[in-house]
Amino acid sequence: MNCIVNDINIAYDEAGQGPAVLLIHGFPLNRQMWQPQLKPIANAGYRVIAPDLRGFGASDAPTGPYSMDLLADDMIALMDALKIDKTVIGGMSMGGYILMNLLERYPERVRAACFIATRSNADDEAGRERRKAMAAEAERLGANPIIKIFAELLFAAETSQESPALIARVTAWMRETRPQGLAGGLLGMSDRKDYTALLPTFKQPSLVIAGAEDRAAPAETAETLIHGLAGCRSKVIEKAGHMVNMEQPEIFNETMISFLKSLPE
């Protein structure tokens, strides 16, 4: 499905009926990463929406940079277009940065928050410079340099050995991402805010899901979220890396659906 949002075309998948759940993908991925979640969450009694962010998947890719404010505003405009007043939001990695932006700027639109394989801290100076260099490289050379870096970061060791088809599928998604989307996303992430000190101010019910073998958002970044968010639920999933929802979909879905069912009406 497609929708014009903030003057660009946003592609999204939708399944089910009931309270809304918005799933925001990570970098340099797209909405297809949520395929293992759409049907199970819809079958549990929810309306699930999984969009492609601007620059990614089948959404338009205007030239960037894309700030976290801009990407968050796109999500609010999509909710408005779909007549969703309030939703549970699951944000994976970069999607988690957008989720924190939404919690700060649009708290009344967020019913509950699921932080998936993400972190609250901003990049340090060296990290910012690395992302800016990668953005310049992506504009010049396309997705290949990015794939090389991210393919090594995304999966647990066991997944790498036992699920070559999954790795090939995710690599193909990365390869299809347009250079302006890659550069826009990298520059947006490099300038993102540090939310660590603000975590205790987020009052919505929250869930943290982490992969025990995540190299992109390791255990200590999950710990920061778990300790900072008042009364949050958490699950560290074994034999999973950054793509925790695809590497261990059954445990992931069970954890997420149990959280959704625990929310007050």
C-alpha atoms as a PDB file:
ATOM      1  CA  MET A   1       0.000   0.000   0.000  1.00  0.00           C
ATOM      2  CA  ASN A   2       1.042   3.614  -0.568  1.00  0.00           C
ATOM      3  CA  CYS A   3       0.237   6.964   0.973  1.00  0.00           C
ATOM      4  CA  ILE A   4       1.339  10.543   0.240  1.00  0.00           C
ATOM      5  CA  VAL A   5       2.900  11.900   3.433  1.00  0.00           C
ATOM      6  CA  ASN A   6       4.764  15.228   3.742  1.00  0.00           C
ATOM      7  CA  ASP A   7       4.837  15.473  -0.082  1.00  0.00           C
ATOM      8  CA  ILE A   8       6.477  12.076  -0.584  1.00  0.00           C
ATOM      9  CA  ASN A   9       5.158   8.598  -1.271  1.00  0.00           C
ATOM     10  CA  ILE A  10       5.443   6.236   1.709  1.00  0.00           C
ATOM     11  CA  ALA A  11       4.963   2.498   1.105  1.00  0.00           C
ATOM     12  CA  TYR A  12       3.612   0.364   3.949  1.00  0.00           C
ATOM     13  CA  ASP A  13       2.173  -3.041   4.781  1.00  0.00           C
ATOM     14  CA  GLU A  14      -0.921  -3.397   6.923  1.00  0.00           C
ATOM     15  CA  ALA A  15      -2.516  -6.457   8.506  1.00  0.00           C
ATOM     16  CA  GLY A  16      -5.261  -7.179  11.022  1.00  0.00           C
ATOM     17  CA  GLN A  17      -7.796  -5.144  12.977  1.00  0.00           C
ATOM     18  CA  GLY A  18      -7.797  -3.816  16.524  1.00  0.00           C
ATOM     19  CA  PRO A  19      -5.486  -1.531  18.508  1.00  0.00           C
ATOM     20  CA  ALA A  20      -2.706  -0.148  16.282  1.00  0.00           C
ATOM     21  CA  VAL A  21       0.918  -1.316  16.337  1.00  0.00           C
ATOM     22  CA  LEU A  22       3.453   0.610  14.216  1.00  0.00           C
ATOM     23  CA  LEU A  23       6.749  -1.171  13.441  1.00  0.00           C
ATOM     24  CA  ILE A  24       9.687   1.024  12.333  1.00  0.00           C
ATOM     25  CA  HIS A  25      12.592  -0.706  10.586  1.00  0.00           C
ATOM     26  CA  GLY A  26      16.315  -0.163  11.080  1.00  0.00           C
ATOM     27  CA  PHE A  27      19.137   0.998   8.795  1.00  0.00           C
ATOM     28  CA  PRO A  28      19.850   0.087   5.976  1.00  0.00           C
ATOM     29  CA  LEU A  29      16.749  -2.123   5.853  1.00  0.00           C
ATOM     30  CA  ASN A  30      13.086  -1.800   4.930  1.00  0.00           C
ATOM     31  CA  ARG A  31       9.620  -2.920   6.007  1.00  0.00           C
ATOM     32  CA  GLN A  32      10.204  -6.478   4.758  1.00  0.00           C
ATOM     33  CA  MET A  33      12.208  -7.165   7.926  1.00  0.00           C
ATOM     34  CA  TRP A  34       8.852  -7.363   9.768  1.00  0.00           C
ATOM     35  CA  GLN A  35       7.453 -10.219   7.627  1.00  0.00           C
ATOM     36  CA  PRO A  36       7.785 -12.732  10.510  1.00  0.00           C
ATOM     37  CA  GLN A  37       5.747 -10.400  12.775  1.00  0.00           C
ATOM     38  CA  LEU A  38       2.846  -9.120  10.639  1.00  0.00           C
ATOM     39  CA  LYS A  39       0.616 -12.181  10.615  1.00  0.00           C
ATOM     40  CA  PRO A  40       1.212 -13.393  14.211  1.00  0.00           C
ATOM     41  CA  ILE A  41       0.575  -9.930  15.712  1.00  0.00           C
ATOM     42  CA  ALA A  42      -2.469  -9.390  13.466  1.00  0.00           C
ATOM     43  CA  ASN A  43      -3.799 -12.836  14.448  1.00  0.00           C
ATOM     44  CA  ALA A  44      -3.423 -11.844  18.105  1.00  0.00           C
ATOM     45  CA  GLY A  45      -5.980  -9.057  17.541  1.00  0.00           C
ATOM     46  CA  TYR A  46      -4.005  -5.992  16.421  1.00  0.00           C
ATOM     47  CA  ARG A  47      -3.814  -3.674  13.414  1.00  0.00           C
ATOM     48  CA  VAL A  48      -0.137  -3.796  12.393  1.00  0.00           C
ATOM     49  CA  ILE A  49       1.421  -1.146  10.145  1.00  0.00           C
ATOM     50  CA  ALA A  50       4.985  -1.510   8.830  1.00  0.00           C
ATOM     51  CA  PRO A  51       6.146   1.422   6.655  1.00  0.00           C
ATOM     52  CA  ASP A  52       9.261   1.971   4.586  1.00  0.00           C
ATOM     53  CA  LEU A  53      10.931   5.114   5.907  1.00  0.00           C
ATOM     54  CA  ARG A  54      11.735   7.835   3.379  1.00  0.00           C
ATOM     55  CA  GLY A  55      14.806   6.773   1.404  1.00  0.00           C
ATOM     56  CA  PHE A  56      14.263   3.051   2.026  1.00  0.00           C
ATOM     57  CA  GLY A  57      12.385   0.167   0.410  1.00  0.00           C
ATOM     58  CA  ALA A  58       9.608   1.294  -1.931  1.00  0.00           C
ATOM     59  CA  SER A  59       9.158   4.775  -0.391  1.00  0.00           C
ATOM     60  CA  ASP A  60      10.436   7.867  -2.203  1.00  0.00           C
ATOM     61  CA  ALA A  61      14.089   8.777  -1.664  1.00  0.00           C
ATOM     62  CA  PRO A  62      14.467  12.547  -1.881  1.00  0.00           C
ATOM     63  CA  THR A  63      17.953  13.879  -1.260  1.00  0.00           C
ATOM     64  CA  GLY A  64      18.786  14.215   2.459  1.00  0.00           C
ATOM     65  CA  PRO A  65      19.995  14.619   5.052  1.00  0.00           C
ATOM     66  CA  TYR A  66      17.105  13.017   6.925  1.00  0.00           C
ATOM     67  CA  SER A  67      16.911  14.190  10.517  1.00  0.00           C
ATOM     68  CA  MET A  68      15.274  12.078  13.204  1.00  0.00           C
ATOM     69  CA  ASP A  69      12.727  14.942  13.515  1.00  0.00           C
ATOM     70  CA  LEU A  70      11.839  14.584   9.830  1.00  0.00           C
ATOM     71  CA  LEU A  71      11.532  10.787   9.976  1.00  0.00           C
ATOM     72  CA  ALA A  72       9.394  11.066  13.136  1.00  0.00           C
ATOM     73  CA  ASP A  73       7.186  13.702  11.485  1.00  0.00           C
ATOM     74  CA  ASP A  74       6.662  11.313   8.543  1.00  0.00           C
ATOM     75  CA  MET A  75       5.398   8.658  10.980  1.00  0.00           C
ATOM     76  CA  ILE A  76       2.935  11.098  12.583  1.00  0.00           C
ATOM     77  CA  ALA A  77       1.692  12.179   9.139  1.00  0.00           C
ATOM     78  CA  LEU A  78       1.238   8.502   8.198  1.00  0.00           C
ATOM     79  CA  MET A  79      -0.740   7.904  11.407  1.00  0.00           C
ATOM     80  CA  ASP A  80      -2.906  10.927  10.573  1.00  0.00           C
ATOM     81  CA  ALA A  81      -3.501   9.630   7.033  1.00  0.00           C
ATOM     82  CA  LEU A  82      -4.503   6.215   8.419  1.00  0.00           C
ATOM     83  CA  LYS A  83      -6.694   7.858  11.094  1.00  0.00           C
ATOM     84  CA  ILE A  84      -4.653   6.398  13.965  1.00  0.00           C
ATOM     85  CA  ASP A  85      -4.789   8.605  17.027  1.00  0.00           C
ATOM     86  CA  LYS A  86      -2.526   6.551  19.277  1.00  0.00           C
ATOM     87  CA  THR A  87      -0.383   3.489  18.647  1.00  0.00           C
ATOM     88  CA  VAL A  88       2.087   1.090  20.204  1.00  0.00           C
ATOM     89  CA  ILE A  89       5.408   1.726  18.440  1.00  0.00           C
ATOM     90  CA  GLY A  90       8.176  -0.828  17.966  1.00  0.00           C
ATOM     91  CA  GLY A  91      11.437   0.702  16.753  1.00  0.00           C
ATOM     92  CA  MET A  92      14.410  -1.442  15.698  1.00  0.00           C
ATOM     93  CA  SER A  93      17.889   0.153  15.789  1.00  0.00           C
ATOM     94  CA  MET A  94      17.462   3.438  13.813  1.00  0.00           C
ATOM     95  CA  GLY A  95      13.716   2.878  14.260  1.00  0.00           C
ATOM     96  CA  GLY A  96      14.395   3.047  18.008  1.00  0.00           C
ATOM     97  CA  TYR A  97      15.997   6.490  17.586  1.00  0.00           C
ATOM     98  CA  ILE A  98      12.831   7.608  15.784  1.00  0.00           C
ATOM     99  CA  LEU A  99      10.736   6.102  18.587  1.00  0.00           C
ATOM    100  CA  MET A 100      12.641   8.139  21.212  1.00  0.00           C
ATOM    101  CA  ASN A 101      12.117  11.282  19.126  1.00  0.00           C
ATOM    102  CA  LEU A 102       8.372  10.513  18.999  1.00  0.00           C
ATOM    103  CA  LEU A 103       8.249   9.908  22.765  1.00  0.00           C
ATOM    104  CA  GLU A 104       9.841  13.309  23.344  1.00  0.00           C
ATOM    105  CA  ARG A 105       7.930  15.330  20.746  1.00  0.00           C
ATOM    106  CA  TYR A 106       4.588  13.485  20.365  1.00  0.00           C
ATOM    107  CA  PRO A 107       4.076  11.593  23.656  1.00  0.00           C
ATOM    108  CA  GLU A 108       0.293  11.790  23.351  1.00  0.00           C
ATOM    109  CA  ARG A 109       0.434   9.685  20.140  1.00  0.00           C
ATOM    110  CA  VAL A 110       2.410   6.803  21.672  1.00  0.00           C
ATOM    111  CA  ARG A 111       0.395   4.242  23.643  1.00  0.00           C
ATOM    112  CA  ALA A 112       3.439   2.083  24.518  1.00  0.00           C
ATOM    113  CA  ALA A 113       7.025   1.712  23.334  1.00  0.00           C
ATOM    114  CA  CYS A 114       9.037  -1.345  22.237  1.00  0.00           C
ATOM    115  CA  PHE A 115      12.776  -0.704  21.978  1.00  0.00           C
ATOM    116  CA  ILE A 116      14.254  -3.393  19.720  1.00  0.00           C
ATOM    117  CA  ALA A 117      18.028  -3.854  19.284  1.00  0.00           C
ATOM    118  CA  THR A 118      18.590  -0.146  19.842  1.00  0.00           C
ATOM    119  CA  ARG A 119      20.423   2.308  22.086  1.00  0.00           C
ATOM    120  CA  SER A 120      19.678   5.640  23.797  1.00  0.00           C
ATOM    121  CA  ASN A 121      23.118   7.265  23.483  1.00  0.00           C
ATOM    122  CA  ALA A 122      24.209   9.463  20.570  1.00  0.00           C
ATOM    123  CA  ASP A 123      27.349   8.907  18.493  1.00  0.00           C
ATOM    124  CA  ASP A 124      30.584  10.249  19.909  1.00  0.00           C
ATOM    125  CA  GLU A 125      32.724  12.525  17.712  1.00  0.00           C
ATOM    126  CA  ALA A 126      34.588   9.584  16.133  1.00  0.00           C
ATOM    127  CA  GLY A 127      31.287   7.802  15.436  1.00  0.00           C
ATOM    128  CA  ARG A 128      29.826  10.912  13.803  1.00  0.00           C
ATOM    129  CA  GLU A 129      32.883  11.279  11.562  1.00  0.00           C
ATOM    130  CA  ARG A 130      32.667   7.589  10.589  1.00  0.00           C
ATOM    131  CA  ARG A 131      29.013   7.957   9.577  1.00  0.00           C
ATOM    132  CA  LYS A 132      29.731  11.118   7.564  1.00  0.00           C
ATOM    133  CA  ALA A 133      32.552   9.341   5.719  1.00  0.00           C
ATOM    134  CA  MET A 134      30.237   6.380   5.043  1.00  0.00           C
ATOM    135  CA  ALA A 135      27.529   8.745   3.742  1.00  0.00           C
ATOM    136  CA  ALA A 136      29.989  10.303   1.286  1.00  0.00           C
ATOM    137  CA  GLU A 137      31.070   6.809   0.196  1.00  0.00           C
ATOM    138  CA  ALA A 138      27.454   5.677  -0.266  1.00  0.00           C
ATOM    139  CA  GLU A 139      26.722   8.691  -2.484  1.00  0.00           C
ATOM    140  CA  ARG A 140      29.805   7.898  -4.553  1.00  0.00           C
ATOM    141  CA  LEU A 141      29.778   4.089  -4.652  1.00  0.00           C
ATOM    142  CA  GLY A 142      26.244   3.013  -3.696  1.00  0.00           C
ATOM    143  CA  ALA A 143      25.386   0.255  -1.243  1.00  0.00           C
ATOM    144  CA  ASN A 144      28.394  -2.082  -1.502  1.00  0.00           C
ATOM    145  CA  PRO A 145      30.669  -0.412   1.106  1.00  0.00           C
ATOM    146  CA  ILE A 146      27.698  -0.208   3.504  1.00  0.00           C
ATOM    147  CA  ILE A 147      26.753  -3.867   2.969  1.00  0.00           C
ATOM    148  CA  LYS A 148      30.290  -4.940   3.796  1.00  0.00           C
ATOM    149  CA  ILE A 149      30.176  -3.135   7.165  1.00  0.00           C
ATOM    150  CA  PHE A 150      26.596  -3.975   8.142  1.00  0.00           C
ATOM    151  CA  ALA A 151      26.513  -7.609   6.998  1.00  0.00           C
ATOM    152  CA  GLU A 152      29.151  -8.345   9.648  1.00  0.00           C
ATOM    153  CA  LEU A 153      27.215  -6.507  12.369  1.00  0.00           C
ATOM    154  CA  LEU A 154      23.687  -7.791  11.848  1.00  0.00           C
ATOM    155  CA  PHE A 155      23.730 -11.480  12.759  1.00  0.00           C
ATOM    156  CA  ALA A 156      24.711 -13.839  15.564  1.00  0.00           C
ATOM    157  CA  ALA A 157      27.534 -16.260  14.723  1.00  0.00           C
ATOM    158  CA  GLU A 158      25.147 -19.213  14.632  1.00  0.00           C
ATOM    159  CA  THR A 159      22.813 -17.451  12.180  1.00  0.00           C
ATOM    160  CA  SER A 160      25.781 -16.769   9.901  1.00  0.00           C
ATOM    161  CA  GLN A 161      26.572 -20.490   9.813  1.00  0.00           C
ATOM    162  CA  GLU A 162      23.078 -21.965   9.763  1.00  0.00           C
ATOM    163  CA  SER A 163      20.892 -19.488   7.855  1.00  0.00           C
ATOM    164  CA  PRO A 164      22.649 -18.432   4.634  1.00  0.00           C
ATOM    165  CA  ALA A 165      19.265 -17.837   2.940  1.00  0.00           C
ATOM    166  CA  LEU A 166      18.260 -15.299   5.605  1.00  0.00           C
ATOM    167  CA  ILE A 167      21.574 -13.471   5.241  1.00  0.00           C
ATOM    168  CA  ALA A 168      21.234 -13.438   1.442  1.00  0.00           C
ATOM    169  CA  ARG A 169      17.713 -12.013   1.738  1.00  0.00           C
ATOM    170  CA  VAL A 170      18.731  -9.196   4.101  1.00  0.00           C
ATOM    171  CA  THR A 171      21.816  -8.419   1.990  1.00  0.00           C
ATOM    172  CA  ALA A 172      19.581  -8.102  -1.092  1.00  0.00           C
ATOM    173  CA  TRP A 173      17.402  -5.542   0.735  1.00  0.00           C
ATOM    174  CA  MET A 174      20.470  -3.510   1.631  1.00  0.00           C
ATOM    175  CA  ARG A 175      21.732  -3.681  -1.962  1.00  0.00           C
ATOM    176  CA  GLU A 176      18.411  -2.257  -3.226  1.00  0.00           C
ATOM    177  CA  THR A 177      18.615   0.818  -0.975  1.00  0.00           C
ATOM    178  CA  ARG A 178      19.257   3.933  -3.039  1.00  0.00           C
ATOM    179  CA  PRO A 179      22.423   5.977  -2.390  1.00  0.00           C
ATOM    180  CA  GLN A 180      20.475   9.074  -1.295  1.00  0.00           C
ATOM    181  CA  GLY A 181      18.556   6.961   1.253  1.00  0.00           C
ATOM    182  CA  LEU A 182      21.779   5.492   2.624  1.00  0.00           C
ATOM    183  CA  ALA A 183      23.459   8.906   2.869  1.00  0.00           C
ATOM    184  CA  GLY A 184      20.352  10.590   4.295  1.00  0.00           C
ATOM    185  CA  GLY A 185      19.931   7.936   6.979  1.00  0.00           C
ATOM    186  CA  LEU A 186      23.605   7.961   7.968  1.00  0.00           C
ATOM    187  CA  LEU A 187      23.690  11.760   8.301  1.00  0.00           C
ATOM    188  CA  GLY A 188      20.418  11.738  10.254  1.00  0.00           C
ATOM    189  CA  MET A 189      21.783   9.155  12.699  1.00  0.00           C
ATOM    190  CA  SER A 190      25.085  11.008  13.088  1.00  0.00           C
ATOM    191  CA  ASP A 191      23.241  14.108  14.334  1.00  0.00           C
ATOM    192  CA  ARG A 192      20.747  12.356  16.578  1.00  0.00           C
ATOM    193  CA  LYS A 193      20.142  13.420  20.157  1.00  0.00           C
ATOM    194  CA  ASP A 194      21.348  11.545  23.225  1.00  0.00           C
ATOM    195  CA  TYR A 195      18.237  10.309  25.064  1.00  0.00           C
ATOM    196  CA  THR A 196      19.877   8.542  27.999  1.00  0.00           C
ATOM    197  CA  ALA A 197      19.115  11.283  30.534  1.00  0.00           C
ATOM    198  CA  LEU A 198      15.523  11.565  29.241  1.00  0.00           C
ATOM    199  CA  LEU A 199      14.637   7.857  29.576  1.00  0.00           C
ATOM    200  CA  PRO A 200      13.084   8.275  33.070  1.00  0.00           C
ATOM    201  CA  THR A 201      10.734  10.965  31.666  1.00  0.00           C
ATOM    202  CA  PHE A 202       9.103   8.485  29.233  1.00  0.00           C
ATOM    203  CA  LYS A 203       6.013   7.373  31.127  1.00  0.00           C
ATOM    204  CA  GLN A 204       4.447   4.991  28.596  1.00  0.00           C
ATOM    205  CA  PRO A 205       4.614   1.232  29.266  1.00  0.00           C
ATOM    206  CA  SER A 206       7.791  -0.045  27.625  1.00  0.00           C
ATOM    207  CA  LEU A 207       9.511  -3.220  26.498  1.00  0.00           C
ATOM    208  CA  VAL A 208      13.192  -3.708  25.650  1.00  0.00           C
ATOM    209  CA  ILE A 209      14.108  -6.646  23.380  1.00  0.00           C
ATOM    210  CA  ALA A 210      17.791  -7.363  22.734  1.00  0.00           C
ATOM    211  CA  GLY A 211      19.798 -10.102  21.040  1.00  0.00           C
ATOM    212  CA  ALA A 212      22.373 -11.680  23.360  1.00  0.00           C
ATOM    213  CA  GLU A 213      24.925 -11.643  20.516  1.00  0.00           C
ATOM    214  CA  ASP A 214      24.121  -8.186  19.098  1.00  0.00           C
ATOM    215  CA  ARG A 215      27.332  -6.497  17.952  1.00  0.00           C
ATOM    216  CA  ALA A 216      25.671  -3.280  16.748  1.00  0.00           C
ATOM    217  CA  ALA A 217      23.772  -2.642  20.031  1.00  0.00           C
ATOM    218  CA  PRO A 218      25.568  -4.812  22.614  1.00  0.00           C
ATOM    219  CA  ALA A 219      24.281  -5.898  26.019  1.00  0.00           C
ATOM    220  CA  GLU A 220      25.360  -2.746  27.878  1.00  0.00           C
ATOM    221  CA  THR A 221      23.277  -0.514  25.589  1.00  0.00           C
ATOM    222  CA  ALA A 222      20.209  -2.653  26.389  1.00  0.00           C
ATOM    223  CA  GLU A 223      21.074  -2.417  30.114  1.00  0.00           C
ATOM    224  CA  THR A 224      21.081   1.390  29.875  1.00  0.00           C
ATOM    225  CA  LEU A 225      17.547   1.296  28.444  1.00  0.00           C
ATOM    226  CA  ILE A 226      16.321  -1.283  30.969  1.00  0.00           C
ATOM    227  CA  HIS A 227      17.628   0.733  33.942  1.00  0.00           C
ATOM    228  CA  GLY A 228      16.567   4.104  32.534  1.00  0.00           C
ATOM    229  CA  LEU A 229      12.961   3.279  31.630  1.00  0.00           C
ATOM    230  CA  ALA A 230      10.775   3.129  34.729  1.00  0.00           C
ATOM    231  CA  GLY A 231       9.107  -0.268  35.167  1.00  0.00           C
ATOM    232  CA  CYS A 232       9.953  -1.543  31.708  1.00  0.00           C
ATOM    233  CA  ARG A 233       9.725  -5.192  30.715  1.00  0.00           C
ATOM    234  CA  SER A 234      12.750  -6.720  29.040  1.00  0.00           C
ATOM    235  CA  LYS A 235      13.875  -9.830  27.203  1.00  0.00           C
ATOM    236  CA  VAL A 236      17.395 -10.705  26.078  1.00  0.00           C
ATOM    237  CA  ILE A 237      17.046 -13.426  23.443  1.00  0.00           C
ATOM    238  CA  GLU A 238      19.796 -16.046  23.154  1.00  0.00           C
ATOM    239  CA  LYS A 239      21.324 -17.045  19.801  1.00  0.00           C
ATOM    240  CA  ALA A 240      20.242 -13.729  18.271  1.00  0.00           C
ATOM    241  CA  GLY A 241      22.137 -10.713  17.003  1.00  0.00           C
ATOM    242  CA  HIS A 242      20.936  -7.337  15.730  1.00  0.00           C
ATOM    243  CA  MET A 243      18.238  -8.958  13.529  1.00  0.00           C
ATOM    244  CA  VAL A 244      16.685 -10.516  16.629  1.00  0.00           C
ATOM    245  CA  ASN A 245      13.129 -10.458  15.224  1.00  0.00           C
ATOM    246  CA  MET A 246      14.176 -12.492  12.166  1.00  0.00           C
ATOM    247  CA  GLU A 247      16.757 -14.729  13.862  1.00  0.00           C
ATOM    248  CA  GLN A 248      14.438 -15.890  16.674  1.00  0.00           C
ATOM    249  CA  PRO A 249      10.946 -14.951  15.442  1.00  0.00           C
ATOM    250  CA  GLU A 250       8.964 -17.298  17.695  1.00  0.00           C
ATOM    251  CA  ILE A 251      10.455 -16.054  20.972  1.00  0.00           C
ATOM    252  CA  PHE A 252      10.353 -12.474  19.670  1.00  0.00           C
ATOM    253  CA  ASN A 253       6.651 -12.689  18.711  1.00  0.00           C
ATOM    254  CA  GLU A 254       5.710 -14.384  21.977  1.00  0.00           C
ATOM    255  CA  THR A 255       7.494 -11.612  23.940  1.00  0.00           C
ATOM    256  CA  MET A 256       5.912  -8.805  21.929  1.00  0.00           C
ATOM    257  CA  ILE A 257       2.368 -10.237  21.965  1.00  0.00           C
ATOM    258  CA  SER A 258       2.559 -10.903  25.714  1.00  0.00           C
ATOM    259  CA  PHE A 259       3.570  -7.238  26.197  1.00  0.00           C
ATOM    260  CA  LEU A 260       0.722  -6.008  23.959  1.00  0.00           C
ATOM    261  CA  LYS A 261      -1.795  -8.098  25.903  1.00  0.00           C
ATOM    262  CA  SER A 262      -0.510  -6.665  29.212  1.00  0.00           C
ATOM    263  CA  LEU A 263      -1.328  -3.062  28.232  1.00  0.00           C
ATOM    264  CA  PRO A 264      -4.257  -1.272  29.867  1.00  0.00           C
ATOM    265  CA  GLU A 265      -7.234  -0.689  27.565  1.00  0.00           C
END
